[in-house]
C-alpha atoms as a PDB file:
ATOM      1  CA  MET A   1     -17.551  18.795 -10.985  1.00  0.00           C
ATOM      2  CA  GLU A   2     -17.424  16.306 -13.714  1.00  0.00           C
ATOM      3  CA  VAL A   3     -14.204  16.655 -15.737  1.00  0.00           C
ATOM      4  CA  LYS A   4     -14.463  14.728 -18.960  1.00  0.00           C
ATOM      5  CA  ASN A   5     -11.587  16.539 -20.664  1.00  0.00           C
ATOM      6  CA  PRO A   6      -8.759  17.138 -18.220  1.00  0.00           C
ATOM      7  CA  LYS A   7      -6.499  20.115 -18.775  1.00  0.00           C
ATOM      8  CA  ILE A   8      -3.646  21.739 -17.127  1.00  0.00           C
ATOM      9  CA  LEU A   9      -4.763  25.092 -15.834  1.00  0.00           C
ATOM     10  CA  PRO A  10      -2.246  27.868 -15.068  1.00  0.00           C
ATOM     11  CA  ASP A  11      -1.076  27.473 -11.525  1.00  0.00           C
ATOM     12  CA  GLN A  12      -3.426  29.655  -9.403  1.00  0.00           C
ATOM     13  CA  ARG A  13      -2.009  28.344  -6.196  1.00  0.00           C
ATOM     14  CA  ALA A  14       1.060  26.581  -5.053  1.00  0.00           C
ATOM     15  CA  LEU A  15       0.626  22.822  -5.436  1.00  0.00           C
ATOM     16  CA  ASP A  16       2.795  19.959  -4.219  1.00  0.00           C
ATOM     17  CA  PHE A  17       4.165  19.032  -7.689  1.00  0.00           C
ATOM     18  CA  GLY A  18       3.440  22.195  -9.568  1.00  0.00           C
ATOM     19  CA  ALA A  19       0.692  23.149 -12.022  1.00  0.00           C
ATOM     20  CA  GLY A  20      -0.989  20.051 -13.379  1.00  0.00           C
ATOM     21  CA  PHE A  21      -3.973  17.680 -13.364  1.00  0.00           C
ATOM     22  CA  TYR A  22      -3.959  15.707 -10.103  1.00  0.00           C
ATOM     23  CA  LEU A  23      -5.365  12.250  -9.501  1.00  0.00           C
ATOM     24  CA  THR A  24      -5.189   9.689  -6.681  1.00  0.00           C
ATOM     25  CA  SER A  25      -5.788   5.932  -6.512  1.00  0.00           C
ATOM     26  CA  ASN A  26      -7.445   6.432  -3.119  1.00  0.00           C
ATOM     27  CA  LYS A  27     -11.201   6.908  -3.465  1.00  0.00           C
ATOM     28  CA  LYS A  28     -11.555   8.156   0.131  1.00  0.00           C
ATOM     29  CA  GLN A  29      -8.934  10.833  -0.489  1.00  0.00           C
ATOM     30  CA  ALA A  30     -10.739  11.877  -3.689  1.00  0.00           C
ATOM     31  CA  SER A  31     -14.117  11.945  -1.942  1.00  0.00           C
ATOM     32  CA  THR A  32     -12.743  14.005   0.937  1.00  0.00           C
ATOM     33  CA  TRP A  33     -11.087  16.466  -1.419  1.00  0.00           C
ATOM     34  CA  SER A  34     -14.178  16.827  -3.525  1.00  0.00           C
ATOM     35  CA  LYS A  35     -16.360  17.632  -0.516  1.00  0.00           C
ATOM     36  CA  SER A  36     -13.772  20.129   0.826  1.00  0.00           C
ATOM     37  CA  VAL A  37     -13.650  21.963  -2.556  1.00  0.00           C
ATOM     38  CA  ALA A  38     -17.421  22.119  -2.927  1.00  0.00           C
ATOM     39  CA  LYS A  39     -17.712  23.461   0.683  1.00  0.00           C
ATOM     40  CA  ARG A  40     -14.918  26.020   0.212  1.00  0.00           C
ATOM     41  CA  GLN A  41     -16.396  27.251  -3.064  1.00  0.00           C
ATOM     42  CA  ARG A  42     -19.947  27.143  -1.723  1.00  0.00           C
ATOM     43  CA  SER A  43     -21.175  25.753  -4.947  1.00  0.00           C
ATOM     44  CA  GLY A  44     -21.442  22.520  -6.938  1.00  0.00           C
ATOM     45  CA  VAL A  45     -22.052  18.942  -5.949  1.00  0.00           C
ATOM     46  CA  PRO A  46     -19.084  16.920  -4.660  1.00  0.00           C
ATOM     47  CA  THR A  47     -18.081  14.613  -7.535  1.00  0.00           C
ATOM     48  CA  VAL A  48     -15.394  12.008  -7.958  1.00  0.00           C
ATOM     49  CA  ASN A  49     -14.216  11.417 -11.481  1.00  0.00           C
ATOM     50  CA  VAL A  50     -12.852   8.033 -12.545  1.00  0.00           C
ATOM     51  CA  TYR A  51     -10.262   7.692 -15.235  1.00  0.00           C
ATOM     52  CA  GLU A  52      -8.568   4.828 -17.019  1.00  0.00           C
ATOM     53  CA  PHE A  53      -4.784   5.010 -17.253  1.00  0.00           C
ATOM     54  CA  ASN A  54      -3.178   3.742 -20.448  1.00  0.00           C
ATOM     55  CA  SER A  55       0.516   2.760 -19.850  1.00  0.00           C
ATOM     56  CA  ASP A  56       1.289   2.636 -23.612  1.00  0.00           C
ATOM     57  CA  GLY A  57       3.917   5.308 -24.270  1.00  0.00           C
ATOM     58  CA  LEU A  58       4.798   5.609 -20.641  1.00  0.00           C
ATOM     59  CA  GLU A  59       8.447   4.863 -21.343  1.00  0.00           C
ATOM     60  CA  GLN A  60       8.687   8.002 -23.503  1.00  0.00           C
ATOM     61  CA  LEU A  61       7.672  10.288 -20.580  1.00  0.00           C
ATOM     62  CA  ASN A  62       9.914  11.917 -17.977  1.00  0.00           C
ATOM     63  CA  ILE A  63       8.489  10.573 -14.703  1.00  0.00           C
ATOM     64  CA  LEU A  64       9.557  11.414 -11.155  1.00  0.00           C
ATOM     65  CA  LYS A  65       8.349   8.973  -8.502  1.00  0.00           C
ATOM     66  CA  PHE A  66       8.673   9.422  -4.682  1.00  0.00           C
ATOM     67  CA  GLU A  67       8.112   6.169  -2.862  1.00  0.00           C
ATOM     68  CA  SER A  68       7.561   7.888   0.462  1.00  0.00           C
ATOM     69  CA  ALA A  69       7.831  11.230   2.289  1.00  0.00           C
ATOM     70  CA  SER A  70      11.591  11.495   1.958  1.00  0.00           C
ATOM     71  CA  GLY A  71      13.894  14.503   2.230  1.00  0.00           C
ATOM     72  CA  GLU A  72      13.906  14.795  -1.545  1.00  0.00           C
ATOM     73  CA  TRP A  73      10.134  14.734  -1.594  1.00  0.00           C
ATOM     74  CA  LEU A  74       9.910  17.405   1.104  1.00  0.00           C
ATOM     75  CA  ASP A  75      12.313  19.767  -0.745  1.00  0.00           C
ATOM     76  CA  PHE A  76      10.479  19.181  -4.006  1.00  0.00           C
ATOM     77  CA  VAL A  77       7.068  19.970  -2.368  1.00  0.00           C
ATOM     78  CA  VAL A  78       8.400  23.005  -0.558  1.00  0.00           C
ATOM     79  CA  ALA A  79       9.977  24.441  -3.710  1.00  0.00           C
ATOM     80  CA  ASN A  80       6.699  23.957  -5.648  1.00  0.00           C
ATOM     81  CA  ARG A  81       4.601  25.416  -2.828  1.00  0.00           C
ATOM     82  CA  LYS A  82       6.899  28.430  -2.642  1.00  0.00           C
ATOM     83  CA  ALA A  83       6.814  28.624  -6.537  1.00  0.00           C
ATOM     84  CA  THR A  84      10.621  28.492  -6.548  1.00  0.00           C
ATOM     85  CA  PHE A  85      11.179  25.091  -8.224  1.00  0.00           C
ATOM     86  CA  ILE A  86      13.617  25.513 -11.096  1.00  0.00           C
ATOM     87  CA  GLY A  87      14.778  21.934 -11.550  1.00  0.00           C
ATOM     88  CA  GLU A  88      14.132  19.413 -14.337  1.00  0.00           C
ATOM     89  CA  SER A  89      10.762  19.430 -16.056  1.00  0.00           C
ATOM     90  CA  TYR A  90       8.628  16.262 -15.705  1.00  0.00           C
ATOM     91  CA  ASP A  91       5.615  14.964 -17.511  1.00  0.00           C
ATOM     92  CA  VAL A  92       4.309  13.070 -14.459  1.00  0.00           C
ATOM     93  CA  VAL A  93       5.151  13.270 -10.789  1.00  0.00           C
ATOM     94  CA  ILE A  94       3.967  10.533  -8.389  1.00  0.00           C
ATOM     95  CA  GLY A  95       4.284  10.519  -4.638  1.00  0.00           C
ATOM     96  CA  PRO A  96       2.607  11.188  -1.279  1.00  0.00           C
ATOM     97  CA  VAL A  97       0.080  13.968  -0.960  1.00  0.00           C
ATOM     98  CA  ALA A  98       0.733  16.776   1.498  1.00  0.00           C
ATOM     99  CA  ASN A  99      -2.741  17.190   3.047  1.00  0.00           C
ATOM    100  CA  ASP A 100      -4.270  19.328   5.824  1.00  0.00           C
ATOM    101  CA  TYR A 101      -2.477  17.234   8.456  1.00  0.00           C
ATOM    102  CA  THR A 102       0.940  17.543   6.930  1.00  0.00           C
ATOM    103  CA  LEU A 103       0.737  21.283   6.122  1.00  0.00           C
ATOM    104  CA  PRO A 104       1.597  22.440   9.612  1.00  0.00           C
ATOM    105  CA  VAL A 105       4.735  20.330   9.604  1.00  0.00           C
ATOM    106  CA  ILE A 106       5.734  21.542   6.162  1.00  0.00           C
ATOM    107  CA  ASP A 107       5.071  25.185   7.202  1.00  0.00           C
ATOM    108  CA  ASP A 108       7.160  24.732  10.326  1.00  0.00           C
ATOM    109  CA  TYR A 109       9.982  23.233   8.187  1.00  0.00           C
ATOM    110  CA  ILE A 110       9.785  26.237   5.816  1.00  0.00           C
ATOM    111  CA  ASP A 111       9.908  28.548   8.811  1.00  0.00           C
ATOM    112  CA  GLY A 112      13.037  26.767  10.132  1.00  0.00           C
ATOM    113  CA  LYS A 113      11.347  25.298  13.268  1.00  0.00           C
ATOM    114  CA  TYR A 114      12.291  21.756  12.162  1.00  0.00           C
ATOM    115  CA  LYS A 115      15.351  20.344  10.406  1.00  0.00           C
ATOM    116  CA  LYS A 116      14.551  18.178   7.423  1.00  0.00           C
ATOM    117  CA  GLU A 117      15.128  14.941   9.386  1.00  0.00           C
ATOM    118  CA  GLU A 118      12.685  16.094  12.121  1.00  0.00           C
ATOM    119  CA  ALA A 119      10.018  17.089   9.648  1.00  0.00           C
ATOM    120  CA  ILE A 120      10.243  13.705   7.810  1.00  0.00           C
ATOM    121  CA  GLU A 121      10.061  11.913  11.210  1.00  0.00           C
ATOM    122  CA  ARG A 122       6.819  13.764  11.955  1.00  0.00           C
ATOM    123  CA  LEU A 123       5.352  13.107   8.455  1.00  0.00           C
ATOM    124  CA  LEU A 124       6.049   9.402   8.201  1.00  0.00           C
ATOM    125  CA  PRO A 125       3.468   8.090  10.739  1.00  0.00           C
ATOM    126  CA  GLN A 126       0.701  10.015   8.935  1.00  0.00           C
ATOM    127  CA  ASN A 127       0.062   7.189   6.315  1.00  0.00           C
ATOM    128  CA  LEU A 128      -0.057   9.625   3.384  1.00  0.00           C
ATOM    129  CA  THR A 129      -2.101   8.713   0.387  1.00  0.00           C
ATOM    130  CA  ASP A 130      -0.785   8.896  -3.153  1.00  0.00           C
ATOM    131  CA  GLN A 131      -1.143  11.509  -5.848  1.00  0.00           C
ATOM    132  CA  PHE A 132      -0.377  11.569  -9.539  1.00  0.00           C
ATOM    133  CA  ALA A 133       0.371  14.984 -11.128  1.00  0.00           C
ATOM    134  CA  PHE A 134       0.062  15.011 -14.929  1.00  0.00           C
ATOM    135  CA  LEU A 135       2.045  18.112 -15.813  1.00  0.00           C
ATOM    136  CA  THR A 136       2.110  18.079 -19.639  1.00  0.00           C
ATOM    137  CA  SER A 137      -0.401  17.611 -22.420  1.00  0.00           C
ATOM    138  CA  ILE A 138       1.528  14.513 -23.566  1.00  0.00           C
ATOM    139  CA  ALA A 139       0.994  12.958 -20.089  1.00  0.00           C
ATOM    140  CA  LEU A 140      -2.735  13.827 -20.102  1.00  0.00           C
ATOM    141  CA  LYS A 141      -3.131  11.667 -23.271  1.00  0.00           C
ATOM    142  CA  LEU A 142      -2.535   8.652 -20.996  1.00  0.00           C
ATOM    143  CA  ILE A 143      -5.778   9.079 -19.064  1.00  0.00           C
ATOM    144  CA  THR A 144      -9.297   8.640 -20.373  1.00  0.00           C
ATOM    145  CA  PHE A 145     -12.497   9.760 -18.559  1.00  0.00           C
ATOM    146  CA  GLU A 146     -14.702   6.763 -17.646  1.00  0.00           C
ATOM    147  CA  ARG A 147     -17.371   8.143 -15.405  1.00  0.00           C
ATOM    148  CA  SER A 148     -18.211  10.497 -12.551  1.00  0.00           C
ATOM    149  CA  GLU A 149     -19.856   9.762  -9.258  1.00  0.00           C
ATOM    150  CA  GLN A 150     -21.777  12.445  -7.388  1.00  0.00           C
ATOM    151  CA  LEU A 151     -21.442  12.089  -3.594  1.00  0.00           C
END
């Protein structure tokens, strides 16, 4: 759906970086996700929204950035997916997206089938795309809706 006015909705499901408004710089990832959501919900037209990012005021935000699927990233994602994260609050979290291909590895890590190092080793070759989670209303002020593209 078209989202001209992004908001942070109460967390209805466990997400990688917690409840927030999620974006990616990868159009293919956005298109795939949009099609998946429309199919799962059996309604709507797959739509990719495009936003402009304004970096003014960025230095005033508390930002966490994961450069890759590291042990710290894995623990952060697992804690959020289990709804047990109680660490520092962030305005924006940036890092790799845990997608349908990574979830079995993450689930096996949660179940104790893999040690952290083994899980990371299995995740690294997957060429994970990026995601940006805007977690506060202050952070949302940095993005402006430009247009939507129906697929």
